[in-house]
Each structure stands twice: as C-alpha cells, then as structure tokens.
Amino acid sequence: MEQPEEPTTAASDLSAAFPSRLAGDVRSVSAVMPDTEFSPMDPFRVDVQGETVTIPSRLYRGEPAAGWAQQVIAHCLYSRHSDGYVRQRHIEQVLESSEPRAAPFVVQLAGEYVLEILEAIGHGLPELAVPGSSQRKLYGEFIARNPAFFVRTECRAVSYWACHYRWKYATFGTYPGSALLESFRKAASEHTGTRWARNTPPPSEDVG
C-alpha cells in the first residue's frame, strides 16, 4: 500500500481541512459523523486565501443518519469519501457554493478517475467558461495560489485517461477532464493576466 507523503489528519479532527476560523463548525460536523477505525488517507496541502489547509485524499466514515448543520463543510468532507457514489452526491452540492473553501475539493476531483464526477463538475460550473464570472474568479484565484497542485491534478488526469478511458477517447483533448482543466487554466490566466502554461498534452496530441 502506498504510504502517505505527509502526516495523516486525525479521524477525530478534520478541522485542518478548512481555514482556522471554521474550526468550531468543522468539529460540529465531525461530532455527528459515525466513528471509523480507519484514518483519512494521503492528505494534500493547498493554500486557501493565504492559509494552508490539509485535506484528506480519502475519508472512511459513514454518512450521518440525520441532517446536519454547516452543510457546505459536510458536503466538502464527504466529497473525499472512499465511495465514488458518495463523492459524486456530495460534490454536486459543493458546486453550488461560491465560497473559497470549496474550491480545493472541486479541483482535486477534476484530476480523479470517475467520469460521472467529471461530467457533474462540468455541468455544475456553467459560468467557469464565462470571462469575468464569479465562478471563473473563484477558481482562477485558487489555482493561481496553488500552481504545483494544479500541475499534479493535470498529470493525474492524463494518467487516468491513459489507463481507463483511452479506449473511449482516442486523444486526451476529447476526454471530459481535458475540457474541464482547460476551463480552470483559462480562469487562472484571467486572474493573473498571463497565459497559464499547459502541463497536459495539447488537444491534438496523443501520449504513447
């Protein structure tokens, strides 16, 4: 089993996944989440408006039987669930949020392998391709703060396409994840005022 690159976030405290001002709200959500013997896996670190947060790549906790408060926080956390169906159900709710804390959860999934989630993100961010829109500003600012994270996201997307979807999409440019990454890249370019370099094969290029 691959070892985490960074210390694992404790299962009982997921507050590191969000800006510190939300620590109390995160603990309230964690308190109603079912217990698990498995800790969150392989956390990744990103900058959210100048503050470093540590988000689990996978979360192994069941969903609460009843509703919860702080729904954006809960949906963000469960978008990291080990079950792809759970991830999709919750990221669809996260996409409605215009809060910066939601951006890393969405962008992380853009580099993963569930095609239905990629399509859901594309449908759930209709203004991402619109210059000057609030969605473009939100994700452009986040990506500009986290260029290395976005490079890793692109590389993962190419790898998953090559392994799982190349039979269906002959070139990476025809893969839904490619269009989504291109929209994120344009958002970053608009935010910085400079052309954002592509770290994936161009739409016409295959990878061997």
N, C-alpha and C. Protein backbone atom coordinates (compact mmCIF):
# COMPACT_ATOMS: atom_id res chain seq x y z
N MET A 1 0.84 -1.19 0.00
CA MET A 1 0.00 0.00 0.00
C MET A 1 0.88 1.24 0.00
N GLU A 2 0.53 2.23 -0.84
CA GLU A 2 1.31 3.45 -0.90
C GLU A 2 1.23 4.22 0.40
N GLN A 3 2.36 4.71 0.87
CA GLN A 3 2.40 5.45 2.13
C GLN A 3 2.09 6.92 1.90
N PRO A 4 1.39 7.57 2.84
CA PRO A 4 1.12 9.00 2.70
C PRO A 4 2.41 9.80 2.65
N GLU A 5 2.41 10.89 1.87
CA GLU A 5 3.59 11.74 1.78
C GLU A 5 3.68 12.68 2.96
N GLU A 6 2.55 12.90 3.66
CA GLU A 6 2.52 13.85 4.76
C GLU A 6 1.76 13.23 5.91
N PRO A 7 1.90 13.75 7.11
CA PRO A 7 1.19 13.18 8.25
C PRO A 7 -0.31 13.14 8.02
N THR A 8 -0.94 12.04 8.44
CA THR A 8 -2.37 11.86 8.26
C THR A 8 -3.15 12.72 9.24
N THR A 9 -4.23 13.36 8.75
CA THR A 9 -5.11 14.12 9.61
C THR A 9 -5.86 13.16 10.52
N ALA A 10 -5.94 13.46 11.80
CA ALA A 10 -6.61 12.58 12.75
C ALA A 10 -8.08 12.43 12.39
N ALA A 11 -8.61 11.20 12.52
CA ALA A 11 -10.01 10.94 12.18
C ALA A 11 -10.95 11.76 13.03
N SER A 12 -10.57 12.07 14.26
CA SER A 12 -11.46 12.78 15.17
C SER A 12 -11.40 14.29 14.99
N ASP A 13 -10.49 14.77 14.17
CA ASP A 13 -10.34 16.21 14.00
C ASP A 13 -9.99 16.53 12.55
N LEU A 14 -10.97 16.98 11.80
CA LEU A 14 -10.78 17.30 10.39
C LEU A 14 -10.71 18.81 10.17
N SER A 15 -10.51 19.54 11.25
CA SER A 15 -10.54 20.99 11.15
C SER A 15 -9.41 21.54 10.28
N ALA A 16 -8.31 20.78 10.13
CA ALA A 16 -7.19 21.24 9.32
C ALA A 16 -7.55 21.34 7.84
N ALA A 17 -8.68 20.75 7.45
CA ALA A 17 -9.09 20.77 6.05
C ALA A 17 -9.73 22.09 5.63
N PHE A 18 -9.91 22.99 6.60
CA PHE A 18 -10.57 24.26 6.31
C PHE A 18 -9.83 25.39 7.00
N PRO A 19 -10.05 26.63 6.57
CA PRO A 19 -9.43 27.77 7.26
C PRO A 19 -9.74 27.73 8.76
N SER A 20 -8.80 28.21 9.55
CA SER A 20 -8.88 28.08 11.01
C SER A 20 -10.12 28.72 11.61
N ARG A 21 -10.65 29.75 10.96
CA ARG A 21 -11.84 30.40 11.51
C ARG A 21 -13.07 29.48 11.52
N LEU A 22 -12.98 28.38 10.78
CA LEU A 22 -14.10 27.45 10.70
C LEU A 22 -13.91 26.22 11.59
N ALA A 23 -12.89 26.24 12.43
CA ALA A 23 -12.57 25.05 13.23
C ALA A 23 -13.76 24.59 14.07
N GLY A 24 -14.46 25.51 14.70
CA GLY A 24 -15.61 25.12 15.52
C GLY A 24 -16.71 24.48 14.71
N ASP A 25 -16.98 25.01 13.52
CA ASP A 25 -18.00 24.43 12.64
C ASP A 25 -17.60 23.03 12.18
N VAL A 26 -16.31 22.86 11.86
CA VAL A 26 -15.84 21.54 11.42
C VAL A 26 -15.98 20.52 12.54
N ARG A 27 -15.64 20.92 13.76
CA ARG A 27 -15.79 19.98 14.88
C ARG A 27 -17.26 19.61 15.10
N SER A 28 -18.16 20.55 14.87
CA SER A 28 -19.59 20.25 15.00
C SER A 28 -20.02 19.20 13.98
N VAL A 29 -19.51 19.31 12.75
CA VAL A 29 -19.81 18.32 11.73
C VAL A 29 -19.20 16.97 12.10
N SER A 30 -17.93 16.98 12.52
CA SER A 30 -17.24 15.74 12.88
C SER A 30 -17.95 15.01 14.01
N ALA A 31 -18.56 15.77 14.92
CA ALA A 31 -19.20 15.16 16.08
C ALA A 31 -20.39 14.28 15.71
N VAL A 32 -21.03 14.55 14.57
CA VAL A 32 -22.19 13.74 14.17
C VAL A 32 -21.84 12.71 13.11
N MET A 33 -20.56 12.66 12.70
CA MET A 33 -20.14 11.67 11.73
C MET A 33 -19.88 10.34 12.44
N PRO A 34 -20.35 9.22 11.88
CA PRO A 34 -20.11 7.92 12.50
C PRO A 34 -18.62 7.65 12.70
N ASP A 35 -18.30 6.95 13.77
CA ASP A 35 -16.91 6.59 14.05
C ASP A 35 -16.39 5.60 13.01
N THR A 36 -15.09 5.55 12.87
CA THR A 36 -14.45 4.60 11.97
C THR A 36 -13.11 4.20 12.56
N GLU A 37 -12.65 3.00 12.25
CA GLU A 37 -11.34 2.56 12.71
C GLU A 37 -10.24 2.97 11.75
N PHE A 38 -10.62 3.55 10.60
CA PHE A 38 -9.64 3.94 9.59
C PHE A 38 -9.46 5.45 9.60
N SER A 39 -8.21 5.87 9.56
CA SER A 39 -7.90 7.29 9.49
C SER A 39 -8.01 7.77 8.05
N PRO A 40 -8.24 9.07 7.84
CA PRO A 40 -8.21 9.62 6.48
C PRO A 40 -6.84 9.36 5.86
N MET A 41 -6.82 9.22 4.53
CA MET A 41 -5.59 8.83 3.83
C MET A 41 -4.97 9.97 3.04
N ASP A 42 -3.65 9.93 2.92
CA ASP A 42 -2.85 10.73 1.98
C ASP A 42 -3.30 12.18 1.87
N PRO A 43 -3.20 12.96 2.93
CA PRO A 43 -3.65 14.34 2.84
C PRO A 43 -2.81 15.17 1.87
N PHE A 44 -3.44 16.15 1.27
CA PHE A 44 -2.72 17.08 0.41
C PHE A 44 -2.92 18.49 0.95
N ARG A 45 -1.92 19.33 0.75
CA ARG A 45 -1.95 20.69 1.29
C ARG A 45 -2.09 21.71 0.18
N VAL A 46 -2.96 22.67 0.41
CA VAL A 46 -3.16 23.76 -0.55
C VAL A 46 -3.34 25.07 0.22
N ASP A 47 -3.25 26.16 -0.52
CA ASP A 47 -3.41 27.50 0.04
C ASP A 47 -4.82 27.99 -0.29
N VAL A 48 -5.57 28.34 0.73
CA VAL A 48 -6.90 28.93 0.55
C VAL A 48 -6.86 30.34 1.11
N GLN A 49 -6.78 31.31 0.21
CA GLN A 49 -6.73 32.72 0.58
C GLN A 49 -5.65 33.03 1.62
N GLY A 50 -4.47 32.46 1.38
CA GLY A 50 -3.32 32.76 2.23
C GLY A 50 -3.13 31.87 3.43
N GLU A 51 -4.00 30.89 3.61
CA GLU A 51 -3.87 29.97 4.74
C GLU A 51 -3.75 28.53 4.22
N THR A 52 -2.78 27.80 4.74
CA THR A 52 -2.58 26.42 4.33
C THR A 52 -3.59 25.50 5.02
N VAL A 53 -4.26 24.67 4.21
CA VAL A 53 -5.17 23.67 4.76
C VAL A 53 -4.69 22.29 4.32
N THR A 54 -5.04 21.28 5.10
CA THR A 54 -4.61 19.90 4.84
C THR A 54 -5.85 19.04 4.68
N ILE A 55 -6.10 18.57 3.47
CA ILE A 55 -7.34 17.88 3.11
C ILE A 55 -7.07 16.40 2.85
N PRO A 56 -7.86 15.50 3.42
CA PRO A 56 -7.63 14.07 3.16
C PRO A 56 -7.99 13.69 1.73
N SER A 57 -7.16 12.84 1.13
CA SER A 57 -7.49 12.34 -0.20
C SER A 57 -8.66 11.37 -0.15
N ARG A 58 -8.74 10.61 0.94
CA ARG A 58 -9.85 9.69 1.11
C ARG A 58 -10.32 9.71 2.57
N LEU A 59 -11.63 9.62 2.72
CA LEU A 59 -12.25 9.64 4.04
C LEU A 59 -13.07 8.36 4.19
N TYR A 60 -12.90 7.67 5.32
CA TYR A 60 -13.59 6.40 5.55
C TYR A 60 -14.55 6.52 6.72
N ARG A 61 -15.59 7.28 6.54
CA ARG A 61 -16.60 7.43 7.60
C ARG A 61 -17.97 7.45 6.94
N GLY A 62 -18.93 6.75 7.57
CA GLY A 62 -20.27 6.70 7.04
C GLY A 62 -20.95 8.06 7.13
N GLU A 63 -22.07 8.19 6.42
CA GLU A 63 -22.84 9.42 6.47
C GLU A 63 -23.79 9.41 7.66
N PRO A 64 -23.99 10.55 8.32
CA PRO A 64 -24.93 10.60 9.45
C PRO A 64 -26.34 10.22 9.02
N ALA A 65 -27.07 9.60 9.94
CA ALA A 65 -28.43 9.18 9.63
C ALA A 65 -29.37 10.37 9.49
N ALA A 66 -29.09 11.44 10.21
CA ALA A 66 -29.94 12.63 10.17
C ALA A 66 -29.20 13.77 9.49
N GLY A 67 -29.92 14.86 9.23
CA GLY A 67 -29.31 16.02 8.60
C GLY A 67 -28.34 16.69 9.54
N TRP A 68 -27.56 17.63 9.01
CA TRP A 68 -26.56 18.30 9.81
C TRP A 68 -26.56 19.79 9.50
N ALA A 69 -25.98 20.55 10.39
CA ALA A 69 -25.75 21.96 10.13
C ALA A 69 -24.43 22.10 9.37
N GLN A 70 -24.04 23.34 9.05
CA GLN A 70 -22.79 23.58 8.31
C GLN A 70 -22.69 22.66 7.09
N GLN A 71 -23.71 22.72 6.24
CA GLN A 71 -23.81 21.75 5.16
C GLN A 71 -22.68 21.84 4.15
N VAL A 72 -22.17 23.04 3.85
CA VAL A 72 -21.08 23.14 2.88
C VAL A 72 -19.86 22.38 3.39
N ILE A 73 -19.55 22.52 4.67
CA ILE A 73 -18.42 21.80 5.25
C ILE A 73 -18.63 20.29 5.15
N ALA A 74 -19.82 19.84 5.50
CA ALA A 74 -20.12 18.40 5.44
C ALA A 74 -20.01 17.87 4.02
N HIS A 75 -20.58 18.59 3.07
CA HIS A 75 -20.52 18.14 1.67
C HIS A 75 -19.08 18.12 1.16
N CYS A 76 -18.28 19.11 1.55
CA CYS A 76 -16.88 19.11 1.15
C CYS A 76 -16.17 17.88 1.69
N LEU A 77 -16.34 17.58 2.97
CA LEU A 77 -15.67 16.43 3.57
C LEU A 77 -16.09 15.13 2.91
N TYR A 78 -17.38 14.97 2.66
CA TYR A 78 -17.84 13.71 2.08
C TYR A 78 -17.54 13.62 0.58
N SER A 79 -17.12 14.71 -0.03
CA SER A 79 -16.65 14.62 -1.42
C SER A 79 -15.29 13.93 -1.48
N ARG A 80 -14.67 13.67 -0.32
CA ARG A 80 -13.42 12.93 -0.23
C ARG A 80 -13.65 11.48 0.20
N HIS A 81 -14.90 11.05 0.22
CA HIS A 81 -15.25 9.71 0.68
C HIS A 81 -14.65 8.63 -0.21
N SER A 82 -14.44 7.46 0.36
CA SER A 82 -13.86 6.35 -0.39
C SER A 82 -14.81 5.77 -1.45
N ASP A 83 -16.10 6.02 -1.31
CA ASP A 83 -17.11 5.52 -2.25
C ASP A 83 -17.38 6.60 -3.30
N GLY A 84 -17.17 6.26 -4.57
CA GLY A 84 -17.36 7.22 -5.64
C GLY A 84 -18.77 7.77 -5.73
N TYR A 85 -19.78 6.94 -5.43
CA TYR A 85 -21.16 7.42 -5.47
C TYR A 85 -21.40 8.48 -4.40
N VAL A 86 -20.80 8.28 -3.24
CA VAL A 86 -20.91 9.27 -2.16
C VAL A 86 -20.19 10.56 -2.57
N ARG A 87 -19.00 10.42 -3.14
CA ARG A 87 -18.27 11.61 -3.59
C ARG A 87 -19.10 12.41 -4.58
N GLN A 88 -19.69 11.73 -5.54
CA GLN A 88 -20.46 12.45 -6.55
C GLN A 88 -21.67 13.15 -5.95
N ARG A 89 -22.38 12.47 -5.08
CA ARG A 89 -23.58 13.06 -4.48
C ARG A 89 -23.25 14.33 -3.72
N HIS A 90 -22.13 14.33 -3.03
CA HIS A 90 -21.79 15.50 -2.22
C HIS A 90 -21.11 16.60 -3.03
N ILE A 91 -20.30 16.24 -4.02
CA ILE A 91 -19.66 17.31 -4.80
C ILE A 91 -20.70 18.06 -5.61
N GLU A 92 -21.77 17.43 -5.98
CA GLU A 92 -22.83 18.13 -6.69
C GLU A 92 -23.43 19.25 -5.84
N GLN A 93 -23.43 19.06 -4.53
CA GLN A 93 -23.89 20.10 -3.62
C GLN A 93 -22.81 21.16 -3.41
N VAL A 94 -21.57 20.74 -3.36
CA VAL A 94 -20.46 21.68 -3.18
C VAL A 94 -20.38 22.67 -4.35
N LEU A 95 -20.70 22.20 -5.54
CA LEU A 95 -20.60 23.04 -6.73
C LEU A 95 -21.48 24.28 -6.65
N GLU A 96 -22.50 24.22 -5.81
CA GLU A 96 -23.39 25.36 -5.67
C GLU A 96 -22.79 26.46 -4.80
N SER A 97 -21.70 26.15 -4.12
CA SER A 97 -21.09 27.10 -3.20
C SER A 97 -20.15 28.06 -3.93
N SER A 98 -20.20 29.31 -3.53
CA SER A 98 -19.29 30.32 -4.08
C SER A 98 -18.20 30.68 -3.08
N GLU A 99 -18.02 29.82 -2.06
CA GLU A 99 -17.04 30.09 -1.01
C GLU A 99 -15.67 29.52 -1.40
N PRO A 100 -14.60 30.26 -1.14
CA PRO A 100 -13.25 29.79 -1.49
C PRO A 100 -12.90 28.44 -0.88
N ARG A 101 -13.43 28.13 0.30
CA ARG A 101 -13.09 26.86 0.96
C ARG A 101 -13.52 25.66 0.13
N ALA A 102 -14.48 25.85 -0.80
CA ALA A 102 -14.97 24.73 -1.61
C ALA A 102 -14.05 24.41 -2.78
N ALA A 103 -13.28 25.39 -3.24
CA ALA A 103 -12.51 25.24 -4.48
C ALA A 103 -11.55 24.05 -4.47
N PRO A 104 -10.75 23.82 -3.41
CA PRO A 104 -9.80 22.69 -3.49
C PRO A 104 -10.48 21.34 -3.60
N PHE A 105 -11.65 21.20 -3.02
CA PHE A 105 -12.37 19.92 -3.10
C PHE A 105 -12.83 19.65 -4.53
N VAL A 106 -13.24 20.69 -5.22
CA VAL A 106 -13.70 20.54 -6.60
C VAL A 106 -12.52 20.26 -7.53
N VAL A 107 -11.46 21.05 -7.41
CA VAL A 107 -10.32 20.89 -8.31
C VAL A 107 -9.65 19.53 -8.11
N GLN A 108 -9.58 19.06 -6.89
CA GLN A 108 -8.99 17.74 -6.63
C GLN A 108 -9.73 16.66 -7.42
N LEU A 109 -11.04 16.73 -7.44
CA LEU A 109 -11.83 15.72 -8.14
C LEU A 109 -11.69 15.82 -9.66
N ALA A 110 -11.30 16.99 -10.15
CA ALA A 110 -11.11 17.14 -11.59
C ALA A 110 -9.94 16.30 -12.10
N GLY A 111 -9.07 15.87 -11.19
CA GLY A 111 -7.94 15.04 -11.58
C GLY A 111 -8.12 13.58 -11.26
N GLU A 112 -9.31 13.20 -10.80
CA GLU A 112 -9.55 11.81 -10.43
C GLU A 112 -10.23 11.04 -11.57
N TYR A 113 -10.65 9.82 -11.30
CA TYR A 113 -10.94 8.88 -12.38
C TYR A 113 -12.42 8.58 -12.62
N VAL A 114 -13.34 9.11 -11.83
CA VAL A 114 -14.76 8.79 -12.02
C VAL A 114 -15.34 9.73 -13.07
N LEU A 115 -15.65 9.20 -14.23
CA LEU A 115 -16.11 10.01 -15.36
C LEU A 115 -17.37 10.79 -15.01
N GLU A 116 -18.29 10.15 -14.29
CA GLU A 116 -19.55 10.81 -13.95
C GLU A 116 -19.32 12.05 -13.07
N ILE A 117 -18.28 12.00 -12.24
CA ILE A 117 -17.97 13.16 -11.40
C ILE A 117 -17.40 14.28 -12.25
N LEU A 118 -16.54 13.95 -13.19
CA LEU A 118 -16.00 14.97 -14.10
C LEU A 118 -17.14 15.65 -14.86
N GLU A 119 -18.08 14.87 -15.32
CA GLU A 119 -19.22 15.43 -16.06
C GLU A 119 -20.09 16.28 -15.14
N ALA A 120 -20.26 15.84 -13.90
CA ALA A 120 -21.06 16.61 -12.94
C ALA A 120 -20.41 17.96 -12.65
N ILE A 121 -19.09 17.98 -12.53
CA ILE A 121 -18.39 19.24 -12.28
C ILE A 121 -18.56 20.18 -13.47
N GLY A 122 -18.42 19.64 -14.67
CA GLY A 122 -18.59 20.46 -15.86
C GLY A 122 -19.98 21.08 -15.93
N HIS A 123 -21.00 20.28 -15.61
CA HIS A 123 -22.38 20.78 -15.63
C HIS A 123 -22.65 21.73 -14.47
N GLY A 124 -21.98 21.49 -13.35
CA GLY A 124 -22.25 22.27 -12.14
C GLY A 124 -21.54 23.61 -12.08
N LEU A 125 -20.62 23.84 -13.04
CA LEU A 125 -19.89 25.12 -13.09
C LEU A 125 -20.11 25.77 -14.45
N PRO A 126 -21.36 26.11 -14.79
CA PRO A 126 -21.65 26.64 -16.12
C PRO A 126 -21.00 27.99 -16.41
N GLU A 127 -20.64 28.75 -15.36
CA GLU A 127 -20.06 30.07 -15.58
C GLU A 127 -18.53 30.04 -15.60
N LEU A 128 -17.95 28.86 -15.43
CA LEU A 128 -16.49 28.77 -15.40
C LEU A 128 -15.88 29.24 -16.72
N ALA A 129 -16.60 29.05 -17.81
CA ALA A 129 -16.10 29.45 -19.13
C ALA A 129 -16.47 30.88 -19.49
N VAL A 130 -17.14 31.57 -18.59
CA VAL A 130 -17.60 32.94 -18.88
C VAL A 130 -16.61 33.95 -18.31
N PRO A 131 -15.95 34.74 -19.15
CA PRO A 131 -15.00 35.74 -18.65
C PRO A 131 -15.64 36.68 -17.64
N GLY A 132 -14.93 36.91 -16.53
CA GLY A 132 -15.40 37.84 -15.52
C GLY A 132 -16.45 37.30 -14.57
N SER A 133 -16.86 36.04 -14.74
CA SER A 133 -17.90 35.47 -13.88
C SER A 133 -17.35 35.19 -12.48
N SER A 134 -18.24 35.06 -11.52
CA SER A 134 -17.81 34.79 -10.15
C SER A 134 -17.14 33.43 -10.04
N GLN A 135 -17.63 32.43 -10.80
CA GLN A 135 -17.00 31.11 -10.76
C GLN A 135 -15.59 31.17 -11.33
N ARG A 136 -15.41 31.90 -12.42
CA ARG A 136 -14.08 32.00 -13.01
C ARG A 136 -13.12 32.71 -12.05
N LYS A 137 -13.59 33.73 -11.38
CA LYS A 137 -12.75 34.45 -10.43
C LYS A 137 -12.37 33.55 -9.25
N LEU A 138 -13.35 32.80 -8.72
CA LEU A 138 -13.10 31.92 -7.58
C LEU A 138 -12.03 30.89 -7.88
N TYR A 139 -12.17 30.18 -9.01
CA TYR A 139 -11.23 29.11 -9.32
C TYR A 139 -9.93 29.64 -9.89
N GLY A 140 -9.99 30.77 -10.58
CA GLY A 140 -8.75 31.37 -11.07
C GLY A 140 -7.85 31.79 -9.93
N GLU A 141 -8.44 32.39 -8.89
CA GLU A 141 -7.66 32.81 -7.73
C GLU A 141 -7.07 31.62 -7.00
N PHE A 142 -7.84 30.55 -6.85
CA PHE A 142 -7.34 29.36 -6.15
C PHE A 142 -6.19 28.71 -6.91
N ILE A 143 -6.35 28.53 -8.21
CA ILE A 143 -5.31 27.87 -9.00
C ILE A 143 -4.04 28.72 -9.04
N ALA A 144 -4.20 30.03 -9.13
CA ALA A 144 -3.03 30.91 -9.15
C ALA A 144 -2.24 30.80 -7.85
N ARG A 145 -2.90 30.53 -6.75
CA ARG A 145 -2.22 30.35 -5.46
C ARG A 145 -1.57 28.97 -5.33
N ASN A 146 -2.03 28.02 -6.16
CA ASN A 146 -1.58 26.64 -6.00
C ASN A 146 -1.13 26.04 -7.34
N PRO A 147 -0.12 26.62 -7.97
CA PRO A 147 0.29 26.12 -9.29
C PRO A 147 0.80 24.68 -9.27
N ALA A 148 1.56 24.30 -8.24
CA ALA A 148 2.09 22.93 -8.19
C ALA A 148 0.95 21.92 -8.00
N PHE A 149 -0.02 22.28 -7.20
CA PHE A 149 -1.18 21.41 -7.00
C PHE A 149 -1.93 21.21 -8.33
N PHE A 150 -2.06 22.28 -9.10
CA PHE A 150 -2.77 22.16 -10.38
C PHE A 150 -1.99 21.31 -11.36
N VAL A 151 -0.66 21.43 -11.35
CA VAL A 151 0.16 20.58 -12.22
C VAL A 151 -0.07 19.10 -11.87
N ARG A 152 -0.07 18.78 -10.57
CA ARG A 152 -0.31 17.39 -10.15
C ARG A 152 -1.71 16.93 -10.58
N THR A 153 -2.67 17.83 -10.49
CA THR A 153 -4.03 17.50 -10.90
C THR A 153 -4.07 17.15 -12.39
N GLU A 154 -3.42 17.95 -13.20
CA GLU A 154 -3.37 17.68 -14.63
C GLU A 154 -2.69 16.35 -14.93
N CYS A 155 -1.57 16.11 -14.26
CA CYS A 155 -0.83 14.86 -14.50
C CYS A 155 -1.66 13.64 -14.13
N ARG A 156 -2.39 13.72 -13.01
CA ARG A 156 -3.25 12.61 -12.63
C ARG A 156 -4.34 12.39 -13.66
N ALA A 157 -4.92 13.48 -14.14
CA ALA A 157 -5.99 13.36 -15.13
C ALA A 157 -5.50 12.65 -16.38
N VAL A 158 -4.31 13.00 -16.85
CA VAL A 158 -3.75 12.34 -18.03
C VAL A 158 -3.51 10.86 -17.77
N SER A 159 -2.99 10.55 -16.60
CA SER A 159 -2.71 9.15 -16.26
C SER A 159 -3.99 8.32 -16.22
N TYR A 160 -5.03 8.86 -15.60
CA TYR A 160 -6.29 8.12 -15.51
C TYR A 160 -6.94 7.96 -16.89
N TRP A 161 -6.83 9.00 -17.70
CA TRP A 161 -7.36 8.87 -19.07
C TRP A 161 -6.62 7.75 -19.81
N ALA A 162 -5.29 7.75 -19.74
CA ALA A 162 -4.50 6.77 -20.46
C ALA A 162 -4.78 5.35 -19.99
N CYS A 163 -5.02 5.19 -18.68
CA CYS A 163 -5.23 3.85 -18.10
C CYS A 163 -6.66 3.35 -18.30
N HIS A 164 -7.64 4.24 -18.17
CA HIS A 164 -9.03 3.79 -18.08
C HIS A 164 -9.94 4.22 -19.24
N TYR A 165 -9.60 5.29 -19.93
CA TYR A 165 -10.56 5.84 -20.90
C TYR A 165 -10.01 6.04 -22.30
N ARG A 166 -8.78 5.67 -22.52
CA ARG A 166 -8.20 5.88 -23.85
C ARG A 166 -8.93 5.10 -24.91
N TRP A 167 -9.51 3.98 -24.54
CA TRP A 167 -10.27 3.18 -25.50
C TRP A 167 -11.51 3.93 -25.99
N LYS A 168 -12.03 4.80 -25.15
CA LYS A 168 -13.26 5.55 -25.48
C LYS A 168 -12.96 6.91 -26.07
N TYR A 169 -11.90 7.57 -25.55
CA TYR A 169 -11.50 8.89 -26.03
C TYR A 169 -10.08 8.76 -26.57
N ALA A 170 -9.94 8.71 -27.89
CA ALA A 170 -8.65 8.40 -28.51
C ALA A 170 -7.57 9.41 -28.18
N THR A 171 -7.92 10.67 -28.01
CA THR A 171 -6.96 11.69 -27.62
C THR A 171 -7.44 12.34 -26.33
N PHE A 172 -6.49 12.85 -25.57
CA PHE A 172 -6.83 13.47 -24.29
C PHE A 172 -7.75 14.68 -24.47
N GLY A 173 -7.61 15.36 -25.59
CA GLY A 173 -8.43 16.54 -25.83
C GLY A 173 -9.91 16.26 -25.95
N THR A 174 -10.28 15.00 -26.23
CA THR A 174 -11.70 14.66 -26.35
C THR A 174 -12.29 14.14 -25.03
N TYR A 175 -11.44 13.98 -24.04
CA TYR A 175 -11.83 13.46 -22.72
C TYR A 175 -12.47 14.59 -21.90
N PRO A 176 -13.60 14.35 -21.21
CA PRO A 176 -14.26 15.41 -20.44
C PRO A 176 -13.35 16.11 -19.44
N GLY A 177 -12.41 15.38 -18.86
CA GLY A 177 -11.49 16.01 -17.92
C GLY A 177 -10.60 17.04 -18.57
N SER A 178 -10.29 16.88 -19.86
CA SER A 178 -9.45 17.83 -20.57
C SER A 178 -10.14 19.18 -20.70
N ALA A 179 -11.40 19.18 -21.09
CA ALA A 179 -12.15 20.43 -21.23
C ALA A 179 -12.28 21.15 -19.89
N LEU A 180 -12.47 20.38 -18.84
CA LEU A 180 -12.60 20.96 -17.51
C LEU A 180 -11.29 21.62 -17.08
N LEU A 181 -10.17 20.95 -17.29
CA LEU A 181 -8.87 21.51 -16.95
C LEU A 181 -8.57 22.75 -17.77
N GLU A 182 -8.97 22.73 -19.03
CA GLU A 182 -8.75 23.91 -19.87
C GLU A 182 -9.52 25.11 -19.34
N SER A 183 -10.73 24.88 -18.85
CA SER A 183 -11.52 25.97 -18.27
C SER A 183 -10.86 26.51 -17.02
N PHE A 184 -10.33 25.62 -16.18
CA PHE A 184 -9.61 26.07 -14.99
C PHE A 184 -8.36 26.87 -15.39
N ARG A 185 -7.67 26.40 -16.41
CA ARG A 185 -6.45 27.09 -16.86
C ARG A 185 -6.78 28.50 -17.35
N LYS A 186 -7.87 28.65 -18.09
CA LYS A 186 -8.27 29.96 -18.59
C LYS A 186 -8.67 30.88 -17.42
N ALA A 187 -9.28 30.29 -16.41
CA ALA A 187 -9.63 31.08 -15.23
C ALA A 187 -8.37 31.62 -14.55
N ALA A 188 -7.33 30.78 -14.44
CA ALA A 188 -6.06 31.22 -13.85
C ALA A 188 -5.39 32.27 -14.71
N SER A 189 -5.47 32.11 -16.03
CA SER A 189 -4.88 33.09 -16.93
C SER A 189 -5.56 34.44 -16.77
N GLU A 190 -6.88 34.43 -16.66
CA GLU A 190 -7.61 35.68 -16.49
C GLU A 190 -7.25 36.33 -15.15
N HIS A 191 -7.08 35.52 -14.12
CA HIS A 191 -6.77 36.06 -12.79
C HIS A 191 -5.38 36.70 -12.76
N THR A 192 -4.42 36.06 -13.39
CA THR A 192 -3.04 36.54 -13.33
C THR A 192 -2.70 37.54 -14.43
N GLY A 193 -3.52 37.53 -15.49
CA GLY A 193 -3.23 38.40 -16.61
C GLY A 193 -2.13 37.89 -17.51
N THR A 194 -1.75 36.63 -17.34
CA THR A 194 -0.73 36.00 -18.17
C THR A 194 -1.22 34.64 -18.63
N ARG A 195 -0.67 34.15 -19.73
CA ARG A 195 -1.06 32.85 -20.24
C ARG A 195 -0.62 31.76 -19.28
N TRP A 196 -1.54 30.92 -18.87
CA TRP A 196 -1.23 29.85 -17.93
C TRP A 196 -0.76 28.63 -18.71
N ALA A 197 0.44 28.18 -18.43
CA ALA A 197 1.05 27.10 -19.20
C ALA A 197 0.26 25.81 -19.08
N ARG A 198 0.19 25.09 -20.19
CA ARG A 198 -0.46 23.77 -20.19
C ARG A 198 0.55 22.72 -19.77
N ASN A 199 0.14 21.86 -18.87
CA ASN A 199 1.02 20.77 -18.41
C ASN A 199 0.49 19.41 -18.83
N THR A 200 -0.48 19.41 -19.74
CA THR A 200 -1.03 18.18 -20.27
C THR A 200 -0.81 18.19 -21.78
N PRO A 201 -0.98 17.04 -22.46
CA PRO A 201 -0.84 17.05 -23.91
C PRO A 201 -1.86 17.98 -24.54
N PRO A 202 -1.48 18.75 -25.57
CA PRO A 202 -2.45 19.59 -26.26
C PRO A 202 -3.56 18.73 -26.86
N PRO A 203 -4.75 19.32 -27.13
CA PRO A 203 -5.91 18.53 -27.58
C PRO A 203 -5.65 17.63 -28.77
N SER A 204 -4.73 18.00 -29.64
CA SER A 204 -4.48 17.20 -30.85
C SER A 204 -3.41 16.14 -30.64
N GLU A 205 -2.84 16.08 -29.45
CA GLU A 205 -1.68 15.20 -29.22
C GLU A 205 -2.07 13.98 -28.42
N ASP A 206 -1.60 12.85 -28.86
CA ASP A 206 -1.78 11.61 -28.13
C ASP A 206 -0.55 11.39 -27.26
N VAL A 207 -0.65 10.54 -26.25
CA VAL A 207 0.53 10.19 -25.49
C VAL A 207 0.78 8.71 -25.63
N GLY A 208 2.00 8.34 -25.85
CA GLY A 208 2.31 6.95 -26.07
C GLY A 208 2.89 6.30 -24.86
